[in-house]
Amino acid sequence: MADTLKKTPDELNEVHDVTEFDDAGRCRVTPVALFEPAVAQAVVATLAGLVRTAHASPEATTPDTDGIVRAQTFEEGDVYMLEAPFDGYFADRYLMDFYDVEERRICSRMHLHTGLRFVRMMTGADTRIRVSSLSPFELTEVKGVTPFVPQQFVDTLPDTPDGVEVARYNVVVPPNAWIDLQIPRAVSHQFNAIGPNAVIDSVHPEESIETFRERMSGYRMMAQTVFLAEDLPPADTCRDIPDAAPDGVTA
């Protein structure tokens, strides 16, 4: 793997040709818990509320003394950086309040990051998260411990060049659930929430390292993303999920 992934280090919307892309590894999925609906909804609503409060805060929406804007917007939703990197600690952590693809009528794009990510996805009532990649997921399943097996299926990536078909692998976070996702550097992924109650609690263990490795002029969260499509696809390309068990999981 080359030292850098970006062609232009500070570009916020760099797009690479999906037909020439190969994942550097595979994402690993770990089911963590299923909760009673009221419990799950309380957690999701509390974390999403913190993001919304931050986006209404002048202090969180302007650069701090380190030049970091804690409240930002990603394709999948609004985010708030809970913990920023600092000298001697090169990781950060943020919360994302997912957009509902039904409401926005668009999906996020397939993308990759310049460093590894650890993502905990949480859903409340009447909401699922569709997680996609261009490579099959690896599932952590420890007999007697792993609480459920999430639904998986394969479909076709939308908006590819004429005559080119790219397989897209999908795993579904069911309602009222927590699932962890370990994403290696330079591995494709795509998140889309179907429903209004979904959040991400994400750790970027290499945040400051990425800035130096990619030779960026400064710390910019969106510049650490590479997209694999020019445009955001319509909602019907990520909204529809094949029928599964009524609760969407296998015990």
C-alpha atoms as a PDB file:
ATOM      1  CA  MET A   1       0.000   0.000   0.000  1.00  0.00           C
ATOM      2  CA  ALA A   2       1.281   3.466  -0.841  1.00  0.00           C
ATOM      3  CA  ASP A   3       2.082   5.800   2.042  1.00  0.00           C
ATOM      4  CA  THR A   4      -0.718   8.124   0.936  1.00  0.00           C
ATOM      5  CA  LEU A   5      -4.234   7.388  -0.332  1.00  0.00           C
ATOM      6  CA  LYS A   6      -5.255  10.874  -1.432  1.00  0.00           C
ATOM      7  CA  LYS A   7      -4.278  12.440  -4.737  1.00  0.00           C
ATOM      8  CA  THR A   8      -4.822  15.908  -3.278  1.00  0.00           C
ATOM      9  CA  PRO A   9      -4.318  15.906   0.506  1.00  0.00           C
ATOM     10  CA  ASP A  10      -6.748  18.708   1.418  1.00  0.00           C
ATOM     11  CA  GLU A  11      -9.511  17.872  -1.079  1.00  0.00           C
ATOM     12  CA  LEU A  12     -12.869  17.440   0.702  1.00  0.00           C
ATOM     13  CA  ASN A  13     -14.608  15.605  -2.136  1.00  0.00           C
ATOM     14  CA  GLU A  14     -11.956  13.461  -3.783  1.00  0.00           C
ATOM     15  CA  VAL A  15     -13.474  10.714  -5.961  1.00  0.00           C
ATOM     16  CA  HIS A  16     -11.586   7.609  -7.067  1.00  0.00           C
ATOM     17  CA  ASP A  17     -12.628   5.244  -9.870  1.00  0.00           C
ATOM     18  CA  VAL A  18     -14.533   2.372  -8.271  1.00  0.00           C
ATOM     19  CA  THR A  19     -13.634   0.044 -11.158  1.00  0.00           C
ATOM     20  CA  GLU A  20      -9.933   0.395 -10.294  1.00  0.00           C
ATOM     21  CA  PHE A  21     -10.372   0.107  -6.534  1.00  0.00           C
ATOM     22  CA  ASP A  22      -9.519  -2.920  -4.410  1.00  0.00           C
ATOM     23  CA  ASP A  23     -10.150  -3.090  -0.683  1.00  0.00           C
ATOM     24  CA  ALA A  24      -7.023  -3.328   1.443  1.00  0.00           C
ATOM     25  CA  GLY A  25      -8.823  -5.698   3.822  1.00  0.00           C
ATOM     26  CA  ARG A  26     -12.276  -6.478   5.179  1.00  0.00           C
ATOM     27  CA  CYS A  27     -14.562  -4.910   7.737  1.00  0.00           C
ATOM     28  CA  ARG A  28     -15.294  -6.970  10.841  1.00  0.00           C
ATOM     29  CA  VAL A  29     -18.802  -6.924  12.347  1.00  0.00           C
ATOM     30  CA  THR A  30     -19.426  -7.720  16.020  1.00  0.00           C
ATOM     31  CA  PRO A  31     -23.017  -7.882  17.333  1.00  0.00           C
ATOM     32  CA  VAL A  32     -22.995  -6.486  20.880  1.00  0.00           C
ATOM     33  CA  ALA A  33     -26.531  -6.350  22.272  1.00  0.00           C
ATOM     34  CA  LEU A  34     -30.266  -6.257  21.697  1.00  0.00           C
ATOM     35  CA  PHE A  35     -32.187  -4.009  24.083  1.00  0.00           C
ATOM     36  CA  GLU A  36     -35.748  -3.511  25.161  1.00  0.00           C
ATOM     37  CA  PRO A  37     -37.198  -0.801  22.886  1.00  0.00           C
ATOM     38  CA  ALA A  38     -37.521   1.791  25.659  1.00  0.00           C
ATOM     39  CA  VAL A  39     -33.901   1.300  26.724  1.00  0.00           C
ATOM     40  CA  ALA A  40     -32.527   1.512  23.197  1.00  0.00           C
ATOM     41  CA  GLN A  41     -34.616   4.570  22.401  1.00  0.00           C
ATOM     42  CA  ALA A  42     -33.449   6.374  25.537  1.00  0.00           C
ATOM     43  CA  VAL A  43     -29.788   5.840  24.656  1.00  0.00           C
ATOM     44  CA  VAL A  44     -30.173   6.805  20.995  1.00  0.00           C
ATOM     45  CA  ALA A  45     -32.283   9.879  21.782  1.00  0.00           C
ATOM     46  CA  THR A  46     -29.819  11.090  24.420  1.00  0.00           C
ATOM     47  CA  LEU A  47     -26.784  10.801  22.124  1.00  0.00           C
ATOM     48  CA  ALA A  48     -28.596  12.284  19.117  1.00  0.00           C
ATOM     49  CA  GLY A  49     -29.793  15.127  21.328  1.00  0.00           C
ATOM     50  CA  LEU A  50     -26.210  15.961  22.247  1.00  0.00           C
ATOM     51  CA  VAL A  51     -25.314  16.249  18.540  1.00  0.00           C
ATOM     52  CA  ARG A  52     -28.289  18.513  17.891  1.00  0.00           C
ATOM     53  CA  THR A  53     -27.411  20.706  20.860  1.00  0.00           C
ATOM     54  CA  ALA A  54     -23.865  21.042  19.540  1.00  0.00           C
ATOM     55  CA  HIS A  55     -25.077  22.098  16.098  1.00  0.00           C
ATOM     56  CA  ALA A  56     -27.055  24.918  17.721  1.00  0.00           C
ATOM     57  CA  SER A  57     -24.026  26.051  19.743  1.00  0.00           C
ATOM     58  CA  PRO A  58     -21.883  28.961  18.469  1.00  0.00           C
ATOM     59  CA  GLU A  59     -18.896  27.566  20.365  1.00  0.00           C
ATOM     60  CA  ALA A  60     -19.152  24.080  18.841  1.00  0.00           C
ATOM     61  CA  THR A  61     -19.692  25.390  15.298  1.00  0.00           C
ATOM     62  CA  THR A  62     -16.638  27.665  15.210  1.00  0.00           C
ATOM     63  CA  PRO A  63     -12.924  26.742  15.380  1.00  0.00           C
ATOM     64  CA  ASP A  64     -11.507  26.259  18.870  1.00  0.00           C
ATOM     65  CA  THR A  65      -7.992  27.228  19.931  1.00  0.00           C
ATOM     66  CA  ASP A  66      -6.607  24.234  17.999  1.00  0.00           C
ATOM     67  CA  GLY A  67      -8.574  25.165  14.872  1.00  0.00           C
ATOM     68  CA  ILE A  68     -11.042  22.285  15.304  1.00  0.00           C
ATOM     69  CA  VAL A  69     -14.741  22.709  14.594  1.00  0.00           C
ATOM     70  CA  ARG A  70     -16.454  20.128  16.780  1.00  0.00           C
ATOM     71  CA  ALA A  71     -19.907  20.226  15.118  1.00  0.00           C
ATOM     72  CA  GLN A  72     -19.679  19.220  11.464  1.00  0.00           C
ATOM     73  CA  THR A  73     -21.807  17.594   8.770  1.00  0.00           C
ATOM     74  CA  PHE A  74     -21.070  14.327   6.978  1.00  0.00           C
ATOM     75  CA  GLU A  75     -23.022  12.656   4.196  1.00  0.00           C
ATOM     76  CA  GLU A  76     -24.642  10.239   6.614  1.00  0.00           C
ATOM     77  CA  GLY A  77     -25.609  12.790   9.267  1.00  0.00           C
ATOM     78  CA  ASP A  78     -24.585  15.570  11.621  1.00  0.00           C
ATOM     79  CA  VAL A  79     -21.591  14.872  13.848  1.00  0.00           C
ATOM     80  CA  TYR A  80     -20.147  16.205  17.088  1.00  0.00           C
ATOM     81  CA  MET A  81     -16.566  15.546  18.152  1.00  0.00           C
ATOM     82  CA  LEU A  82     -16.739  14.557  21.798  1.00  0.00           C
ATOM     83  CA  GLU A  83     -12.994  14.197  22.251  1.00  0.00           C
ATOM     84  CA  ALA A  84     -10.366  15.815  20.052  1.00  0.00           C
ATOM     85  CA  PRO A  85      -6.762  14.683  19.524  1.00  0.00           C
ATOM     86  CA  PHE A  86      -4.012  16.525  21.350  1.00  0.00           C
ATOM     87  CA  ASP A  87      -0.243  16.322  21.762  1.00  0.00           C
ATOM     88  CA  GLY A  88       0.559  12.833  22.989  1.00  0.00           C
ATOM     89  CA  TYR A  89      -2.904  11.482  22.106  1.00  0.00           C
ATOM     90  CA  PHE A  90      -3.573  11.120  18.396  1.00  0.00           C
ATOM     91  CA  ALA A  91      -7.124   9.667  18.437  1.00  0.00           C
ATOM     92  CA  ASP A  92     -10.522  11.319  18.519  1.00  0.00           C
ATOM     93  CA  ARG A  93     -14.125  10.269  19.110  1.00  0.00           C
ATOM     94  CA  TYR A  94     -17.360  11.604  17.668  1.00  0.00           C
ATOM     95  CA  LEU A  95     -21.096  11.034  17.672  1.00  0.00           C
ATOM     96  CA  MET A  96     -23.215  11.020  14.521  1.00  0.00           C
ATOM     97  CA  ASP A  97     -26.945  11.652  14.387  1.00  0.00           C
ATOM     98  CA  PHE A  98     -27.979   9.746  11.267  1.00  0.00           C
ATOM     99  CA  TYR A  99     -30.166  11.194   8.555  1.00  0.00           C
ATOM    100  CA  ASP A 100     -33.195   9.090   7.609  1.00  0.00           C
ATOM    101  CA  VAL A 101     -32.810   8.160   3.921  1.00  0.00           C
ATOM    102  CA  GLU A 102     -36.616   8.095   3.595  1.00  0.00           C
ATOM    103  CA  GLU A 103     -36.751  11.730   4.637  1.00  0.00           C
ATOM    104  CA  ARG A 104     -33.769  12.944   2.596  1.00  0.00           C
ATOM    105  CA  ARG A 105     -34.532  10.732  -0.431  1.00  0.00           C
ATOM    106  CA  ILE A 106     -30.829  10.162  -1.026  1.00  0.00           C
ATOM    107  CA  CYS A 107     -28.206   7.684   0.204  1.00  0.00           C
ATOM    108  CA  SER A 108     -24.622   8.275   1.214  1.00  0.00           C
ATOM    109  CA  ARG A 109     -21.815   7.213  -1.118  1.00  0.00           C
ATOM    110  CA  MET A 110     -19.452   4.288  -0.794  1.00  0.00           C
ATOM    111  CA  HIS A 111     -16.173   5.625   0.618  1.00  0.00           C
ATOM    112  CA  LEU A 112     -12.981   4.812   2.476  1.00  0.00           C
ATOM    113  CA  HIS A 113     -10.783   6.556   5.019  1.00  0.00           C
ATOM    114  CA  THR A 114      -7.099   7.370   5.254  1.00  0.00           C
ATOM    115  CA  GLY A 115      -6.926   5.624   8.624  1.00  0.00           C
ATOM    116  CA  LEU A 116      -8.649   2.841  10.520  1.00  0.00           C
ATOM    117  CA  ARG A 117     -11.995   3.424  12.247  1.00  0.00           C
ATOM    118  CA  PHE A 118     -13.891   1.807  15.111  1.00  0.00           C
ATOM    119  CA  VAL A 119     -17.632   2.384  14.838  1.00  0.00           C
ATOM    120  CA  ARG A 120     -20.422   1.442  17.263  1.00  0.00           C
ATOM    121  CA  MET A 121     -23.810   1.665  15.526  1.00  0.00           C
ATOM    122  CA  MET A 122     -26.938   1.991  17.659  1.00  0.00           C
ATOM    123  CA  THR A 123     -30.597   1.894  16.633  1.00  0.00           C
ATOM    124  CA  GLY A 124     -33.842   2.706  18.385  1.00  0.00           C
ATOM    125  CA  ALA A 125     -37.432   2.096  17.435  1.00  0.00           C
ATOM    126  CA  ASP A 126     -38.493   1.417  13.838  1.00  0.00           C
ATOM    127  CA  THR A 127     -34.991   1.989  12.504  1.00  0.00           C
ATOM    128  CA  ARG A 128     -32.380  -0.138  10.790  1.00  0.00           C
ATOM    129  CA  ILE A 129     -28.909   0.747   9.537  1.00  0.00           C
ATOM    130  CA  ARG A 130     -27.738  -0.761   6.273  1.00  0.00           C
ATOM    131  CA  VAL A 131     -23.954  -1.121   6.261  1.00  0.00           C
ATOM    132  CA  SER A 132     -22.334  -1.893   2.918  1.00  0.00           C
ATOM    133  CA  SER A 133     -18.882  -2.676   1.533  1.00  0.00           C
ATOM    134  CA  LEU A 134     -17.324  -3.850  -1.712  1.00  0.00           C
ATOM    135  CA  SER A 135     -15.881  -6.857   0.139  1.00  0.00           C
ATOM    136  CA  PRO A 136     -17.649  -9.487   2.263  1.00  0.00           C
ATOM    137  CA  PHE A 137     -17.879  -8.732   5.971  1.00  0.00           C
ATOM    138  CA  GLU A 138     -16.196 -10.889   8.576  1.00  0.00           C
ATOM    139  CA  LEU A 139     -18.587 -11.694  11.419  1.00  0.00           C
ATOM    140  CA  THR A 140     -17.495 -12.187  15.013  1.00  0.00           C
ATOM    141  CA  GLU A 141     -19.589 -15.011  16.419  1.00  0.00           C
ATOM    142  CA  VAL A 142     -18.558 -16.507  19.738  1.00  0.00           C
ATOM    143  CA  LYS A 143     -20.852 -19.408  20.572  1.00  0.00           C
ATOM    144  CA  GLY A 144     -22.830 -18.775  23.724  1.00  0.00           C
ATOM    145  CA  VAL A 145     -21.757 -15.120  23.892  1.00  0.00           C
ATOM    146  CA  THR A 146     -22.648 -13.351  20.631  1.00  0.00           C
ATOM    147  CA  PRO A 147     -26.292 -12.326  21.191  1.00  0.00           C
ATOM    148  CA  PHE A 148     -27.546 -12.468  17.592  1.00  0.00           C
ATOM    149  CA  VAL A 149     -26.535 -12.887  13.965  1.00  0.00           C
ATOM    150  CA  PRO A 150     -27.482  -9.913  11.766  1.00  0.00           C
ATOM    151  CA  GLN A 151     -29.042 -10.257   8.345  1.00  0.00           C
ATOM    152  CA  GLN A 152     -26.623 -10.169   5.382  1.00  0.00           C
ATOM    153  CA  PHE A 153     -27.249 -10.019   1.637  1.00  0.00           C
ATOM    154  CA  VAL A 154     -25.545  -9.064  -1.613  1.00  0.00           C
ATOM    155  CA  ASP A 155     -26.810  -6.658  -4.271  1.00  0.00           C
ATOM    156  CA  THR A 156     -25.282  -4.441  -6.984  1.00  0.00           C
ATOM    157  CA  LEU A 157     -23.602  -1.085  -6.405  1.00  0.00           C
ATOM    158  CA  PRO A 158     -25.570   1.705  -8.141  1.00  0.00           C
ATOM    159  CA  ASP A 159     -24.239   4.300 -10.566  1.00  0.00           C
ATOM    160  CA  THR A 160     -21.334   2.287 -11.938  1.00  0.00           C
ATOM    161  CA  PRO A 161     -20.088   2.915 -15.508  1.00  0.00           C
ATOM    162  CA  ASP A 162     -22.119   1.353 -18.320  1.00  0.00           C
ATOM    163  CA  GLY A 163     -21.404  -2.348 -18.658  1.00  0.00           C
ATOM    164  CA  VAL A 164     -19.677  -2.574 -15.271  1.00  0.00           C
ATOM    165  CA  GLU A 165     -21.313  -4.476 -12.419  1.00  0.00           C
ATOM    166  CA  VAL A 166     -19.881  -4.268  -8.911  1.00  0.00           C
ATOM    167  CA  ALA A 167     -21.099  -6.523  -6.095  1.00  0.00           C
ATOM    168  CA  ARG A 168     -22.096  -4.755  -2.879  1.00  0.00           C
ATOM    169  CA  TYR A 169     -22.101  -6.702   0.397  1.00  0.00           C
ATOM    170  CA  ASN A 170     -24.558  -5.646   3.093  1.00  0.00           C
ATOM    171  CA  VAL A 171     -25.192  -6.251   6.778  1.00  0.00           C
ATOM    172  CA  VAL A 172     -28.255  -4.910   8.600  1.00  0.00           C
ATOM    173  CA  VAL A 173     -28.304  -3.461  12.109  1.00  0.00           C
ATOM    174  CA  PRO A 174     -31.803  -4.334  13.372  1.00  0.00           C
ATOM    175  CA  PRO A 175     -33.977  -2.077  15.543  1.00  0.00           C
ATOM    176  CA  ASN A 176     -32.984  -1.610  19.195  1.00  0.00           C
ATOM    177  CA  ALA A 177     -29.507  -3.036  18.672  1.00  0.00           C
ATOM    178  CA  TRP A 178     -25.795  -2.254  19.038  1.00  0.00           C
ATOM    179  CA  ILE A 179     -23.298  -3.569  16.518  1.00  0.00           C
ATOM    180  CA  ASP A 180     -19.579  -2.747  16.379  1.00  0.00           C
ATOM    181  CA  LEU A 181     -17.687  -2.361  13.110  1.00  0.00           C
ATOM    182  CA  GLN A 182     -13.902  -2.423  12.769  1.00  0.00           C
ATOM    183  CA  ILE A 183     -12.870  -0.739   9.514  1.00  0.00           C
ATOM    184  CA  PRO A 184      -9.237  -1.086   8.393  1.00  0.00           C
ATOM    185  CA  ARG A 185      -7.544   1.740   6.537  1.00  0.00           C
ATOM    186  CA  ALA A 186      -8.489   1.894   2.833  1.00  0.00           C
ATOM    187  CA  VAL A 187     -11.480  -0.451   3.119  1.00  0.00           C
ATOM    188  CA  SER A 188     -14.769   0.599   1.493  1.00  0.00           C
ATOM    189  CA  HIS A 189     -17.920   1.163   3.522  1.00  0.00           C
ATOM    190  CA  GLN A 190     -21.272   2.903   3.341  1.00  0.00           C
ATOM    191  CA  PHE A 191     -23.804   3.683   6.090  1.00  0.00           C
ATOM    192  CA  ASN A 192     -27.485   4.461   5.586  1.00  0.00           C
ATOM    193  CA  ALA A 193     -30.211   4.637   8.238  1.00  0.00           C
ATOM    194  CA  ILE A 194     -33.714   3.574   7.311  1.00  0.00           C
ATOM    195  CA  GLY A 195     -35.754   5.251  10.008  1.00  0.00           C
ATOM    196  CA  PRO A 196     -35.295   8.255  12.317  1.00  0.00           C
ATOM    197  CA  ASN A 197     -33.569   6.745  15.361  1.00  0.00           C
ATOM    198  CA  ALA A 198     -29.925   5.850  14.726  1.00  0.00           C
ATOM    199  CA  VAL A 199     -26.567   7.055  16.012  1.00  0.00           C
ATOM    200  CA  ILE A 200     -22.890   6.195  15.669  1.00  0.00           C
ATOM    201  CA  ASP A 201     -20.286   6.408  18.416  1.00  0.00           C
ATOM    202  CA  SER A 202     -17.006   6.333  16.505  1.00  0.00           C
ATOM    203  CA  VAL A 203     -13.317   6.329  17.423  1.00  0.00           C
ATOM    204  CA  HIS A 204     -10.606   7.386  14.947  1.00  0.00           C
ATOM    205  CA  PRO A 205      -7.441   5.901  16.461  1.00  0.00           C
ATOM    206  CA  GLU A 206      -5.095   7.444  13.847  1.00  0.00           C
ATOM    207  CA  GLU A 207      -6.615  10.894  13.432  1.00  0.00           C
ATOM    208  CA  SER A 208      -3.465  12.972  13.886  1.00  0.00           C
ATOM    209  CA  ILE A 209      -1.284  10.327  12.211  1.00  0.00           C
ATOM    210  CA  GLU A 210      -3.450  10.501   9.097  1.00  0.00           C
ATOM    211  CA  THR A 211      -2.927  14.240   8.812  1.00  0.00           C
ATOM    212  CA  PHE A 212       0.840  13.790   8.685  1.00  0.00           C
ATOM    213  CA  ARG A 213       0.785  10.593   6.596  1.00  0.00           C
ATOM    214  CA  GLU A 214      -1.358  12.204   3.902  1.00  0.00           C
ATOM    215  CA  ARG A 215       0.682  15.428   4.093  1.00  0.00           C
ATOM    216  CA  MET A 216      -2.372  17.579   4.778  1.00  0.00           C
ATOM    217  CA  SER A 217      -1.950  21.251   5.568  1.00  0.00           C
ATOM    218  CA  GLY A 218      -3.947  20.837   8.791  1.00  0.00           C
ATOM    219  CA  TYR A 219      -6.517  18.788  10.622  1.00  0.00           C
ATOM    220  CA  ARG A 220      -9.679  18.485   8.478  1.00  0.00           C
ATOM    221  CA  MET A 221     -12.028  15.570   9.115  1.00  0.00           C
ATOM    222  CA  MET A 222     -13.668  15.429   5.686  1.00  0.00           C
ATOM    223  CA  ALA A 223     -10.304  15.532   3.914  1.00  0.00           C
ATOM    224  CA  GLN A 224      -9.602  12.118   5.430  1.00  0.00           C
ATOM    225  CA  THR A 225     -12.295  10.537   3.236  1.00  0.00           C
ATOM    226  CA  VAL A 226     -12.067   9.218  -0.335  1.00  0.00           C
ATOM    227  CA  PHE A 227     -15.352   8.689  -2.201  1.00  0.00           C
ATOM    228  CA  LEU A 228     -16.047   5.995  -4.795  1.00  0.00           C
ATOM    229  CA  ALA A 229     -18.890   7.803  -6.580  1.00  0.00           C
ATOM    230  CA  GLU A 230     -19.434  11.325  -7.891  1.00  0.00           C
ATOM    231  CA  ASP A 231     -23.018  11.792  -6.709  1.00  0.00           C
ATOM    232  CA  LEU A 232     -25.224  10.771  -3.814  1.00  0.00           C
ATOM    233  CA  PRO A 233     -27.542   8.033  -5.146  1.00  0.00           C
ATOM    234  CA  PRO A 234     -31.346   8.106  -4.721  1.00  0.00           C
ATOM    235  CA  ALA A 235     -32.948   6.560  -1.643  1.00  0.00           C
ATOM    236  CA  ASP A 236     -34.246   3.479  -3.438  1.00  0.00           C
ATOM    237  CA  THR A 237     -30.653   2.275  -3.899  1.00  0.00           C
ATOM    238  CA  CYS A 238     -30.180   1.762  -0.145  1.00  0.00           C
ATOM    239  CA  ARG A 239     -33.670   1.841   1.367  1.00  0.00           C
ATOM    240  CA  ASP A 240     -34.902  -1.565   0.237  1.00  0.00           C
ATOM    241  CA  ILE A 241     -33.835  -4.578   2.293  1.00  0.00           C
ATOM    242  CA  PRO A 242     -34.839  -8.147   1.422  1.00  0.00           C
ATOM    243  CA  ASP A 243     -37.383  -9.816   3.705  1.00  0.00           C
ATOM    244  CA  ALA A 244     -35.872 -11.492   6.744  1.00  0.00           C
ATOM    245  CA  ALA A 245     -37.111 -12.756  10.084  1.00  0.00           C
ATOM    246  CA  PRO A 246     -39.651 -10.409  11.710  1.00  0.00           C
ATOM    247  CA  ASP A 247     -37.030  -8.997  14.067  1.00  0.00           C
ATOM    248  CA  GLY A 248     -34.335  -8.951  11.398  1.00  0.00           C
ATOM    249  CA  VAL A 249     -31.943 -11.174  13.347  1.00  0.00           C
ATOM    250  CA  THR A 250     -31.056 -14.796  13.900  1.00  0.00           C
ATOM    251  CA  ALA A 251     -30.722 -15.890  17.514  1.00  0.00           C
END
